[in-house]
Amino acid sequence: MITIDRVLRAKRESKHIEFKQGFDITAAADWCEIIKDVAAIANSGGGAIVFGADNKGQPVGRDLSTIAGLDPARLTDKLHSYTGCHFAAFELTQVKKGKKSVAILRLGAASVPLIFTKPGTYAIDEKRQKTAFGVGTLYYRHGAKSEPATSQDLADVIERRLAEVRKQWIGGVRKVIEAPPGSSISVLPREVRASDEPGAVPIRIVQDDTAQAFRLVDIDKIYPYRQKELINEVRRGLRKGVIFNSFDVQALRKLNPVLQTDAFSHKPNFGSRQYNDDAAKWIVAAHRKDPEFFAKARAAFRRRFK
């Protein structure tokens, strides 16, 4: 991810840096333009958007409290609503530049290009609308502009991904070359997990302090909530009087496959599914965004599965 020092030293916009004097988080127009720039910068390998700065990077002295206090989950949700991707490789920081402050949204590279699945339209006046981006478009940075990608841009995305893979391969080869004579090579996944599945990789646990260490993952600590505990955790985050029960958990899990991924839950070979804090937060955030979220899920579940 680009460093804050590099961003603060920038005196003009570029492929990786965008300056914006303000950002009204209540305005659809501002959100559409920000989402376009975020996608373009992430697709171009990462960079930053600086809020509260003119086109030369100088602070303009605006109140940045609403921008600096923006919930990262809101930006993630906005990106997902327009791209269908859960992109979270970003960090929002408020820093001093001289005597004034700027807010810096640093963005990592998108591992998979962010393509818009929903148009970014907003009203200019009572009769006219503007489209910031259309369905099926892929945006890239061309100098200081966020524009539809070209064939060369797609080639650059592929080459960048290949470079990352080559770096991983070379790192693995280096470990083999540098291994002491007589060493044997074992290929293991990045995470070694407790499992009795037939395809699981076997390891031997020893008490030798010089032996190579592998971390034994405690599933119950990573996914501490069974259905009852998940319901209680979600209820704590909801407004008083909002109904959330086991039927809602079943409906949401069936309608939202993301709740069945390792990011949110784990299904033991024997026993009921277990969930983590992120699952509870995701459900609460979805309801805050749309108070009819549970009602819609119940209705959709009854139509599809009953």
C-alpha atoms as a PDB file:
ATOM      1  CA  MET A   1       0.000   0.000   0.000  1.00  0.00           C
ATOM      2  CA  ILE A   2       1.286   3.479  -0.835  1.00  0.00           C
ATOM      3  CA  THR A   3       2.947   5.286   2.106  1.00  0.00           C
ATOM      4  CA  ILE A   4       1.454   8.374   3.722  1.00  0.00           C
ATOM      5  CA  ASP A   5       4.757  10.236   3.265  1.00  0.00           C
ATOM      6  CA  ARG A   6       4.651   9.671  -0.485  1.00  0.00           C
ATOM      7  CA  VAL A   7       1.073  10.921  -0.627  1.00  0.00           C
ATOM      8  CA  LEU A   8       1.898  14.064   1.367  1.00  0.00           C
ATOM      9  CA  ARG A   9       4.869  14.827  -0.901  1.00  0.00           C
ATOM     10  CA  ALA A  10       2.737  14.664  -4.063  1.00  0.00           C
ATOM     11  CA  LYS A  11       2.184  18.038  -5.757  1.00  0.00           C
ATOM     12  CA  ARG A  12      -0.026  16.877  -8.614  1.00  0.00           C
ATOM     13  CA  GLU A  13      -2.539  14.174  -9.389  1.00  0.00           C
ATOM     14  CA  SER A  14      -1.260  11.023 -11.041  1.00  0.00           C
ATOM     15  CA  LYS A  15      -2.126   7.436 -11.878  1.00  0.00           C
ATOM     16  CA  HIS A  16      -2.022   6.578  -8.179  1.00  0.00           C
ATOM     17  CA  ILE A  17      -3.069   9.809  -6.440  1.00  0.00           C
ATOM     18  CA  GLU A  18      -6.298  11.831  -6.666  1.00  0.00           C
ATOM     19  CA  PHE A  19      -6.996  15.148  -4.873  1.00  0.00           C
ATOM     20  CA  LYS A  20     -10.501  16.207  -3.846  1.00  0.00           C
ATOM     21  CA  GLN A  21     -11.403  19.385  -1.993  1.00  0.00           C
ATOM     22  CA  GLY A  22     -14.417  17.794  -0.333  1.00  0.00           C
ATOM     23  CA  PHE A  23     -16.721  14.813  -0.116  1.00  0.00           C
ATOM     24  CA  ASP A  24     -20.358  15.103   0.947  1.00  0.00           C
ATOM     25  CA  ILE A  25     -21.143  11.646   2.312  1.00  0.00           C
ATOM     26  CA  THR A  26     -24.891  12.397   2.060  1.00  0.00           C
ATOM     27  CA  ALA A  27     -24.765  13.175  -1.691  1.00  0.00           C
ATOM     28  CA  ALA A  28     -25.334  10.437  -4.284  1.00  0.00           C
ATOM     29  CA  ALA A  29     -23.276  12.380  -6.830  1.00  0.00           C
ATOM     30  CA  ASP A  30     -20.214  12.474  -4.575  1.00  0.00           C
ATOM     31  CA  TRP A  31     -20.533   8.777  -3.766  1.00  0.00           C
ATOM     32  CA  CYS A  32     -20.717   7.773  -7.434  1.00  0.00           C
ATOM     33  CA  GLU A  33     -17.633   9.793  -8.332  1.00  0.00           C
ATOM     34  CA  ILE A  34     -15.691   8.475  -5.327  1.00  0.00           C
ATOM     35  CA  ILE A  35     -16.642   4.866  -6.101  1.00  0.00           C
ATOM     36  CA  LYS A  36     -15.453   5.363  -9.693  1.00  0.00           C
ATOM     37  CA  ASP A  37     -12.077   6.704  -8.524  1.00  0.00           C
ATOM     38  CA  VAL A  38     -11.681   3.982  -5.892  1.00  0.00           C
ATOM     39  CA  ALA A  39     -12.305   1.244  -8.465  1.00  0.00           C
ATOM     40  CA  ALA A  40      -9.988   2.863 -11.026  1.00  0.00           C
ATOM     41  CA  ILE A  41      -7.126   3.286  -8.549  1.00  0.00           C
ATOM     42  CA  ALA A  42      -7.523  -0.231  -7.128  1.00  0.00           C
ATOM     43  CA  ASN A  43      -7.599  -1.684 -10.660  1.00  0.00           C
ATOM     44  CA  SER A  44      -4.439   0.296 -11.478  1.00  0.00           C
ATOM     45  CA  GLY A  45      -2.423  -1.242  -8.644  1.00  0.00           C
ATOM     46  CA  GLY A  46      -3.464   0.914  -5.691  1.00  0.00           C
ATOM     47  CA  GLY A  47      -2.844   4.473  -4.534  1.00  0.00           C
ATOM     48  CA  ALA A  48      -4.693   7.121  -2.550  1.00  0.00           C
ATOM     49  CA  ILE A  49      -7.454   9.730  -2.601  1.00  0.00           C
ATOM     50  CA  VAL A  50      -6.663  12.891  -0.609  1.00  0.00           C
ATOM     51  CA  PHE A  51      -9.669  14.808   0.724  1.00  0.00           C
ATOM     52  CA  GLY A  52      -9.396  18.456   1.689  1.00  0.00           C
ATOM     53  CA  ALA A  53      -6.705  19.341  -0.885  1.00  0.00           C
ATOM     54  CA  ASP A  54      -6.649  21.426  -4.065  1.00  0.00           C
ATOM     55  CA  ASN A  55      -5.327  20.179  -7.418  1.00  0.00           C
ATOM     56  CA  LYS A  56      -1.755  20.857  -6.276  1.00  0.00           C
ATOM     57  CA  GLY A  57      -2.132  18.859  -3.089  1.00  0.00           C
ATOM     58  CA  GLN A  58      -2.319  21.870  -0.779  1.00  0.00           C
ATOM     59  CA  PRO A  59      -4.804  21.714   2.141  1.00  0.00           C
ATOM     60  CA  VAL A  60      -7.852  23.954   1.745  1.00  0.00           C
ATOM     61  CA  GLY A  61      -8.780  23.983   5.431  1.00  0.00           C
ATOM     62  CA  ARG A  62     -12.175  22.286   5.202  1.00  0.00           C
ATOM     63  CA  ASP A  63     -13.894  20.500   8.072  1.00  0.00           C
ATOM     64  CA  LEU A  64     -13.045  16.815   7.540  1.00  0.00           C
ATOM     65  CA  SER A  65     -14.773  15.369  10.601  1.00  0.00           C
ATOM     66  CA  THR A  66     -17.543  13.599   8.656  1.00  0.00           C
ATOM     67  CA  ILE A  67     -15.055  12.140   6.159  1.00  0.00           C
ATOM     68  CA  ALA A  68     -12.522  11.051   8.788  1.00  0.00           C
ATOM     69  CA  GLY A  69     -15.342   9.513  10.827  1.00  0.00           C
ATOM     70  CA  LEU A  70     -16.751   7.526   7.905  1.00  0.00           C
ATOM     71  CA  ASP A  71     -17.400   3.898   8.864  1.00  0.00           C
ATOM     72  CA  PRO A  72     -15.182   1.686   6.631  1.00  0.00           C
ATOM     73  CA  ALA A  73     -18.044  -0.811   6.406  1.00  0.00           C
ATOM     74  CA  ARG A  74     -20.122   1.820   4.624  1.00  0.00           C
ATOM     75  CA  LEU A  75     -17.518   2.197   1.880  1.00  0.00           C
ATOM     76  CA  THR A  76     -17.218  -1.588   1.581  1.00  0.00           C
ATOM     77  CA  ASP A  77     -21.000  -1.877   1.262  1.00  0.00           C
ATOM     78  CA  LYS A  78     -21.135   0.871  -1.361  1.00  0.00           C
ATOM     79  CA  LEU A  79     -18.446  -0.834  -3.451  1.00  0.00           C
ATOM     80  CA  HIS A  80     -20.229  -4.153  -3.128  1.00  0.00           C
ATOM     81  CA  SER A  81     -23.546  -2.646  -4.208  1.00  0.00           C
ATOM     82  CA  TYR A  82     -21.976  -1.404  -7.465  1.00  0.00           C
ATOM     83  CA  THR A  83     -19.429  -4.183  -8.184  1.00  0.00           C
ATOM     84  CA  GLY A  84     -20.610  -7.298  -6.329  1.00  0.00           C
ATOM     85  CA  CYS A  85     -17.120  -7.552  -4.753  1.00  0.00           C
ATOM     86  CA  HIS A  86     -16.203  -7.272  -1.061  1.00  0.00           C
ATOM     87  CA  PHE A  87     -13.154  -5.030  -1.502  1.00  0.00           C
ATOM     88  CA  ALA A  88     -11.676  -3.941   1.822  1.00  0.00           C
ATOM     89  CA  ALA A  89      -8.022  -3.225   0.997  1.00  0.00           C
ATOM     90  CA  PHE A  90      -8.139   0.389   2.141  1.00  0.00           C
ATOM     91  CA  GLU A  91      -7.327   2.592   5.114  1.00  0.00           C
ATOM     92  CA  LEU A  92      -8.716   6.044   5.979  1.00  0.00           C
ATOM     93  CA  THR A  93      -6.473   8.391   7.998  1.00  0.00           C
ATOM     94  CA  GLN A  94      -6.591  12.080   8.942  1.00  0.00           C
ATOM     95  CA  VAL A  95      -3.142  13.710   9.081  1.00  0.00           C
ATOM     96  CA  LYS A  96      -1.592  17.162   9.287  1.00  0.00           C
ATOM     97  CA  LYS A  97      -0.006  18.765   6.221  1.00  0.00           C
ATOM     98  CA  GLY A  98       1.552  21.963   7.413  1.00  0.00           C
ATOM     99  CA  LYS A  99      -0.918  23.648   9.741  1.00  0.00           C
ATOM    100  CA  LYS A 100      -4.030  22.140   8.158  1.00  0.00           C
ATOM    101  CA  SER A 101      -5.443  18.645   7.956  1.00  0.00           C
ATOM    102  CA  VAL A 102      -6.222  16.312   5.072  1.00  0.00           C
ATOM    103  CA  ALA A 103      -7.959  12.924   5.047  1.00  0.00           C
ATOM    104  CA  ILE A 104      -6.172  10.210   3.099  1.00  0.00           C
ATOM    105  CA  LEU A 105      -7.937   7.121   1.769  1.00  0.00           C
ATOM    106  CA  ARG A 106      -5.140   4.684   0.919  1.00  0.00           C
ATOM    107  CA  LEU A 107      -6.093   1.857  -1.440  1.00  0.00           C
ATOM    108  CA  GLY A 108      -4.461  -1.463  -2.140  1.00  0.00           C
ATOM    109  CA  ALA A 109      -4.485  -3.236  -5.495  1.00  0.00           C
ATOM    110  CA  ALA A 110      -7.575  -5.227  -6.472  1.00  0.00           C
ATOM    111  CA  SER A 111      -6.604  -8.895  -6.828  1.00  0.00           C
ATOM    112  CA  VAL A 112      -9.559  -9.289  -9.194  1.00  0.00           C
ATOM    113  CA  PRO A 113     -10.537  -6.267 -11.357  1.00  0.00           C
ATOM    114  CA  LEU A 114     -13.556  -4.363 -10.020  1.00  0.00           C
ATOM    115  CA  ILE A 115     -16.180  -4.283 -12.769  1.00  0.00           C
ATOM    116  CA  PHE A 116     -19.408  -2.336 -12.294  1.00  0.00           C
ATOM    117  CA  THR A 117     -22.551  -4.480 -12.201  1.00  0.00           C
ATOM    118  CA  LYS A 118     -24.868  -1.550 -11.480  1.00  0.00           C
ATOM    119  CA  PRO A 119     -24.907   1.908 -13.109  1.00  0.00           C
ATOM    120  CA  GLY A 120     -23.719   4.888 -11.080  1.00  0.00           C
ATOM    121  CA  THR A 121     -26.385   7.468 -11.887  1.00  0.00           C
ATOM    122  CA  TYR A 122     -27.405  10.558  -9.965  1.00  0.00           C
ATOM    123  CA  ALA A 123     -29.667  13.555 -10.500  1.00  0.00           C
ATOM    124  CA  ILE A 124     -28.201  16.839 -11.738  1.00  0.00           C
ATOM    125  CA  ASP A 125     -31.540  18.632 -11.405  1.00  0.00           C
ATOM    126  CA  GLU A 126     -35.236  17.742 -11.467  1.00  0.00           C
ATOM    127  CA  LYS A 127     -35.133  16.701 -15.127  1.00  0.00           C
ATOM    128  CA  ARG A 128     -31.621  15.502 -15.838  1.00  0.00           C
ATOM    129  CA  GLN A 129     -29.415  12.662 -14.629  1.00  0.00           C
ATOM    130  CA  LYS A 130     -25.719  11.967 -15.044  1.00  0.00           C
ATOM    131  CA  THR A 131     -24.069   8.556 -15.312  1.00  0.00           C
ATOM    132  CA  ALA A 132     -20.663   8.287 -13.641  1.00  0.00           C
ATOM    133  CA  PHE A 133     -20.205   4.701 -14.858  1.00  0.00           C
ATOM    134  CA  GLY A 134     -22.283   2.083 -16.651  1.00  0.00           C
ATOM    135  CA  VAL A 135     -22.964  -1.619 -16.184  1.00  0.00           C
ATOM    136  CA  GLY A 136     -20.113  -3.859 -17.355  1.00  0.00           C
ATOM    137  CA  THR A 137     -17.500  -1.094 -17.391  1.00  0.00           C
ATOM    138  CA  LEU A 138     -13.998  -1.451 -15.986  1.00  0.00           C
ATOM    139  CA  TYR A 139     -12.252   1.760 -14.944  1.00  0.00           C
ATOM    140  CA  TYR A 140      -8.513   2.423 -14.892  1.00  0.00           C
ATOM    141  CA  ARG A 141      -6.318   5.446 -14.184  1.00  0.00           C
ATOM    142  CA  HIS A 142      -4.977   7.257 -17.240  1.00  0.00           C
ATOM    143  CA  GLY A 143      -2.678   9.864 -15.759  1.00  0.00           C
ATOM    144  CA  ALA A 144      -4.852  11.920 -13.406  1.00  0.00           C
ATOM    145  CA  LYS A 145      -8.172  10.685 -14.823  1.00  0.00           C
ATOM    146  CA  SER A 146     -10.382   7.688 -14.063  1.00  0.00           C
ATOM    147  CA  GLU A 147     -11.497   6.384 -17.460  1.00  0.00           C
ATOM    148  CA  PRO A 148     -12.841   3.183 -19.057  1.00  0.00           C
ATOM    149  CA  ALA A 149     -10.071   0.616 -19.428  1.00  0.00           C
ATOM    150  CA  THR A 150      -8.401  -0.188 -22.738  1.00  0.00           C
ATOM    151  CA  SER A 151      -6.982  -3.486 -23.994  1.00  0.00           C
ATOM    152  CA  GLN A 152      -3.540  -2.366 -22.814  1.00  0.00           C
ATOM    153  CA  ASP A 153      -4.924  -1.691 -19.343  1.00  0.00           C
ATOM    154  CA  LEU A 154      -6.276  -5.255 -19.165  1.00  0.00           C
ATOM    155  CA  ALA A 155      -2.878  -6.543 -20.260  1.00  0.00           C
ATOM    156  CA  ASP A 156      -1.278  -4.526 -17.438  1.00  0.00           C
ATOM    157  CA  VAL A 157      -3.679  -6.055 -14.884  1.00  0.00           C
ATOM    158  CA  ILE A 158      -2.792  -9.565 -16.065  1.00  0.00           C
ATOM    159  CA  GLU A 159       0.943  -8.813 -16.068  1.00  0.00           C
ATOM    160  CA  ARG A 160       0.755  -7.385 -12.532  1.00  0.00           C
ATOM    161  CA  ARG A 161      -0.984 -10.515 -11.309  1.00  0.00           C
ATOM    162  CA  LEU A 162       1.575 -12.742 -13.051  1.00  0.00           C
ATOM    163  CA  ALA A 163       4.374 -10.755 -11.418  1.00  0.00           C
ATOM    164  CA  GLU A 164       2.836 -11.444  -7.997  1.00  0.00           C
ATOM    165  CA  VAL A 165       2.615 -15.178  -8.765  1.00  0.00           C
ATOM    166  CA  ARG A 166       6.201 -15.251 -10.041  1.00  0.00           C
ATOM    167  CA  LYS A 167       7.358 -13.548  -6.843  1.00  0.00           C
ATOM    168  CA  GLN A 168       5.639 -16.238  -4.770  1.00  0.00           C
ATOM    169  CA  TRP A 169       7.209 -18.990  -6.892  1.00  0.00           C
ATOM    170  CA  ILE A 170      10.686 -17.492  -6.628  1.00  0.00           C
ATOM    171  CA  GLY A 171      10.273 -17.183  -2.853  1.00  0.00           C
ATOM    172  CA  GLY A 172       9.378 -20.873  -2.665  1.00  0.00           C
ATOM    173  CA  VAL A 173      12.310 -21.878  -4.874  1.00  0.00           C
ATOM    174  CA  ARG A 174      14.678 -19.796  -2.716  1.00  0.00           C
ATOM    175  CA  LYS A 175      13.551 -21.653   0.412  1.00  0.00           C
ATOM    176  CA  VAL A 176      14.334 -24.976  -1.290  1.00  0.00           C
ATOM    177  CA  ILE A 177      17.771 -23.795  -2.451  1.00  0.00           C
ATOM    178  CA  GLU A 178      18.685 -22.423   0.974  1.00  0.00           C
ATOM    179  CA  ALA A 179      17.515 -25.516   2.890  1.00  0.00           C
ATOM    180  CA  PRO A 180      20.345 -27.390   4.697  1.00  0.00           C
ATOM    181  CA  PRO A 181      21.766 -30.528   2.999  1.00  0.00           C
ATOM    182  CA  GLY A 182      19.662 -33.591   3.717  1.00  0.00           C
ATOM    183  CA  SER A 183      16.467 -31.627   4.236  1.00  0.00           C
ATOM    184  CA  SER A 184      13.210 -33.072   2.952  1.00  0.00           C
ATOM    185  CA  ILE A 185      10.532 -30.863   1.421  1.00  0.00           C
ATOM    186  CA  SER A 186       6.911 -30.969   2.615  1.00  0.00           C
ATOM    187  CA  VAL A 187       4.259 -28.989   0.789  1.00  0.00           C
ATOM    188  CA  LEU A 188       1.578 -27.644   3.128  1.00  0.00           C
ATOM    189  CA  PRO A 189      -1.271 -25.174   2.688  1.00  0.00           C
ATOM    190  CA  ARG A 190      -0.850 -21.695   4.166  1.00  0.00           C
ATOM    191  CA  GLU A 191      -3.056 -22.589   7.130  1.00  0.00           C
ATOM    192  CA  VAL A 192      -2.813 -25.952   8.883  1.00  0.00           C
ATOM    193  CA  ARG A 193      -6.214 -26.696  10.399  1.00  0.00           C
ATOM    194  CA  ALA A 194      -7.500 -29.423  12.658  1.00  0.00           C
ATOM    195  CA  SER A 195      -9.432 -31.845  10.446  1.00  0.00           C
ATOM    196  CA  ASP A 196     -10.207 -35.542  10.052  1.00  0.00           C
ATOM    197  CA  GLU A 197     -11.241 -35.252   6.403  1.00  0.00           C
ATOM    198  CA  PRO A 198      -9.719 -37.905   4.067  1.00  0.00           C
ATOM    199  CA  GLY A 199      -7.842 -35.251   2.045  1.00  0.00           C
ATOM    200  CA  ALA A 200      -6.340 -33.483   5.066  1.00  0.00           C
ATOM    201  CA  VAL A 201      -2.551 -33.054   5.211  1.00  0.00           C
ATOM    202  CA  PRO A 202      -1.100 -35.163   8.086  1.00  0.00           C
ATOM    203  CA  ILE A 203       1.419 -33.550  10.459  1.00  0.00           C
ATOM    204  CA  ARG A 204       3.180 -34.897  13.556  1.00  0.00           C
ATOM    205  CA  ILE A 205       3.224 -32.835  16.750  1.00  0.00           C
ATOM    206  CA  VAL A 206       6.479 -33.151  18.735  1.00  0.00           C
ATOM    207  CA  GLN A 207       8.022 -31.548  21.827  1.00  0.00           C
ATOM    208  CA  ASP A 208      11.385 -30.828  20.201  1.00  0.00           C
ATOM    209  CA  ASP A 209      12.063 -27.067  20.553  1.00  0.00           C
ATOM    210  CA  THR A 210      14.188 -27.136  17.391  1.00  0.00           C
ATOM    211  CA  ALA A 211      11.436 -28.665  15.259  1.00  0.00           C
ATOM    212  CA  GLN A 212       9.655 -26.469  12.733  1.00  0.00           C
ATOM    213  CA  ALA A 213       6.454 -25.090  14.259  1.00  0.00           C
ATOM    214  CA  PHE A 214       2.966 -25.317  12.781  1.00  0.00           C
ATOM    215  CA  ARG A 215       0.071 -23.477  14.350  1.00  0.00           C
ATOM    216  CA  LEU A 216      -2.852 -25.663  15.421  1.00  0.00           C
ATOM    217  CA  VAL A 217      -5.982 -23.594  14.837  1.00  0.00           C
ATOM    218  CA  ASP A 218      -8.666 -23.698  17.555  1.00  0.00           C
ATOM    219  CA  ILE A 219     -11.908 -23.664  15.567  1.00  0.00           C
ATOM    220  CA  ASP A 220     -13.953 -22.784  18.652  1.00  0.00           C
ATOM    221  CA  LYS A 221     -11.927 -19.589  19.171  1.00  0.00           C
ATOM    222  CA  ILE A 222     -12.116 -18.491  15.541  1.00  0.00           C
ATOM    223  CA  TYR A 223     -15.846 -19.287  15.226  1.00  0.00           C
ATOM    224  CA  PRO A 224     -17.173 -18.921  18.801  1.00  0.00           C
ATOM    225  CA  TYR A 225     -20.905 -18.639  18.037  1.00  0.00           C
ATOM    226  CA  ARG A 226     -23.310 -21.449  17.365  1.00  0.00           C
ATOM    227  CA  GLN A 227     -26.763 -20.438  16.147  1.00  0.00           C
ATOM    228  CA  LYS A 228     -28.088 -19.466  19.598  1.00  0.00           C
ATOM    229  CA  GLU A 229     -25.019 -17.371  20.454  1.00  0.00           C
ATOM    230  CA  LEU A 230     -25.082 -15.755  16.983  1.00  0.00           C
ATOM    231  CA  ILE A 231     -28.723 -14.715  17.495  1.00  0.00           C
ATOM    232  CA  ASN A 232     -27.890 -13.156  20.878  1.00  0.00           C
ATOM    233  CA  GLU A 233     -24.866 -11.318  19.434  1.00  0.00           C
ATOM    234  CA  VAL A 234     -26.892  -9.934  16.513  1.00  0.00           C
ATOM    235  CA  ARG A 235     -29.737  -8.855  18.798  1.00  0.00           C
ATOM    236  CA  ARG A 236     -27.260  -6.824  20.879  1.00  0.00           C
ATOM    237  CA  GLY A 237     -26.443  -4.802  17.779  1.00  0.00           C
ATOM    238  CA  LEU A 238     -30.054  -4.224  16.687  1.00  0.00           C
ATOM    239  CA  ARG A 239     -32.506  -1.601  17.809  1.00  0.00           C
ATOM    240  CA  LYS A 240     -34.824  -2.557  20.638  1.00  0.00           C
ATOM    241  CA  GLY A 241     -37.908  -4.383  19.366  1.00  0.00           C
ATOM    242  CA  VAL A 242     -36.360  -5.748  16.133  1.00  0.00           C
ATOM    243  CA  ILE A 243     -37.137  -9.456  15.791  1.00  0.00           C
ATOM    244  CA  PHE A 244     -34.301 -11.822  14.852  1.00  0.00           C
ATOM    245  CA  ASN A 245     -34.559 -15.571  15.393  1.00  0.00           C
ATOM    246  CA  SER A 246     -33.402 -18.989  14.142  1.00  0.00           C
ATOM    247  CA  PHE A 247     -35.640 -18.768  11.060  1.00  0.00           C
ATOM    248  CA  ASP A 248     -33.870 -15.544  10.082  1.00  0.00           C
ATOM    249  CA  VAL A 249     -30.475 -17.229  10.420  1.00  0.00           C
ATOM    250  CA  GLN A 250     -31.635 -20.082   8.163  1.00  0.00           C
ATOM    251  CA  ALA A 251     -33.086 -17.691   5.585  1.00  0.00           C
ATOM    252  CA  LEU A 252     -30.034 -15.418   5.485  1.00  0.00           C
ATOM    253  CA  ARG A 253     -27.630 -18.347   5.190  1.00  0.00           C
ATOM    254  CA  LYS A 254     -29.557 -19.863   2.288  1.00  0.00           C
ATOM    255  CA  LEU A 255     -29.981 -16.552   0.454  1.00  0.00           C
ATOM    256  CA  ASN A 256     -26.473 -15.225   1.121  1.00  0.00           C
ATOM    257  CA  PRO A 257     -23.818 -17.880   0.360  1.00  0.00           C
ATOM    258  CA  VAL A 258     -21.165 -15.517   1.759  1.00  0.00           C
ATOM    259  CA  LEU A 259     -22.359 -16.544   5.252  1.00  0.00           C
ATOM    260  CA  GLN A 260     -21.294 -20.105   4.439  1.00  0.00           C
ATOM    261  CA  THR A 261     -17.702 -19.150   3.547  1.00  0.00           C
ATOM    262  CA  ASP A 262     -14.679 -19.327   5.856  1.00  0.00           C
ATOM    263  CA  ALA A 263     -14.810 -15.551   6.198  1.00  0.00           C
ATOM    264  CA  PHE A 264     -17.964 -15.866   8.331  1.00  0.00           C
ATOM    265  CA  SER A 265     -18.560 -19.468   9.416  1.00  0.00           C
ATOM    266  CA  HIS A 266     -17.330 -23.054   9.707  1.00  0.00           C
ATOM    267  CA  LYS A 267     -19.258 -26.335   9.400  1.00  0.00           C
ATOM    268  CA  PRO A 268     -17.673 -29.102  11.528  1.00  0.00           C
ATOM    269  CA  ASN A 269     -17.912 -32.673  10.312  1.00  0.00           C
ATOM    270  CA  PHE A 270     -20.068 -33.399  13.340  1.00  0.00           C
ATOM    271  CA  GLY A 271     -22.170 -30.640  14.819  1.00  0.00           C
ATOM    272  CA  SER A 272     -23.941 -27.470  13.798  1.00  0.00           C
ATOM    273  CA  ARG A 273     -22.421 -24.549  11.891  1.00  0.00           C
ATOM    274  CA  GLN A 274     -20.363 -22.058  13.924  1.00  0.00           C
ATOM    275  CA  TYR A 275     -20.032 -18.315  13.207  1.00  0.00           C
ATOM    276  CA  ASN A 276     -17.570 -15.523  14.006  1.00  0.00           C
ATOM    277  CA  ASP A 277     -17.859 -11.839  14.986  1.00  0.00           C
ATOM    278  CA  ASP A 278     -17.692 -10.757  11.331  1.00  0.00           C
ATOM    279  CA  ALA A 279     -20.858 -12.731  10.575  1.00  0.00           C
ATOM    280  CA  ALA A 280     -22.759 -10.963  13.340  1.00  0.00           C
ATOM    281  CA  LYS A 281     -21.431  -7.556  12.261  1.00  0.00           C
ATOM    282  CA  TRP A 282     -22.346  -8.248   8.625  1.00  0.00           C
ATOM    283  CA  ILE A 283     -25.944  -9.093   9.553  1.00  0.00           C
ATOM    284  CA  VAL A 284     -26.307  -6.028  11.805  1.00  0.00           C
ATOM    285  CA  ALA A 285     -24.796  -3.731   9.149  1.00  0.00           C
ATOM    286  CA  ALA A 286     -27.136  -5.105   6.472  1.00  0.00           C
ATOM    287  CA  HIS A 287     -30.179  -4.404   8.669  1.00  0.00           C
ATOM    288  CA  ARG A 288     -29.000  -0.889   9.510  1.00  0.00           C
ATOM    289  CA  LYS A 289     -28.633  -0.211   5.804  1.00  0.00           C
ATOM    290  CA  ASP A 290     -32.089  -1.591   5.040  1.00  0.00           C
ATOM    291  CA  PRO A 291     -34.579  -1.920   7.943  1.00  0.00           C
ATOM    292  CA  GLU A 292     -36.636  -4.300   5.739  1.00  0.00           C
ATOM    293  CA  PHE A 293     -33.623  -6.626   5.256  1.00  0.00           C
ATOM    294  CA  PHE A 294     -34.982  -9.409   7.521  1.00  0.00           C
ATOM    295  CA  ALA A 295     -38.549  -9.135   6.218  1.00  0.00           C
ATOM    296  CA  LYS A 296     -37.365  -9.351   2.611  1.00  0.00           C
ATOM    297  CA  ALA A 297     -35.179 -12.359   3.437  1.00  0.00           C
ATOM    298  CA  ARG A 298     -38.067 -14.192   5.125  1.00  0.00           C
ATOM    299  CA  ALA A 299     -40.349 -13.581   2.140  1.00  0.00           C
ATOM    300  CA  ALA A 300     -37.694 -14.615  -0.392  1.00  0.00           C
ATOM    301  CA  PHE A 301     -36.880 -17.759   1.598  1.00  0.00           C
ATOM    302  CA  ARG A 302     -40.538 -18.812   1.750  1.00  0.00           C
ATOM    303  CA  ARG A 303     -40.911 -18.307  -2.014  1.00  0.00           C
ATOM    304  CA  ARG A 304     -37.785 -20.268  -2.907  1.00  0.00           C
ATOM    305  CA  PHE A 305     -37.496 -22.996  -0.316  1.00  0.00           C
ATOM    306  CA  LYS A 306     -40.957 -23.645   1.088  1.00  0.00           C
END
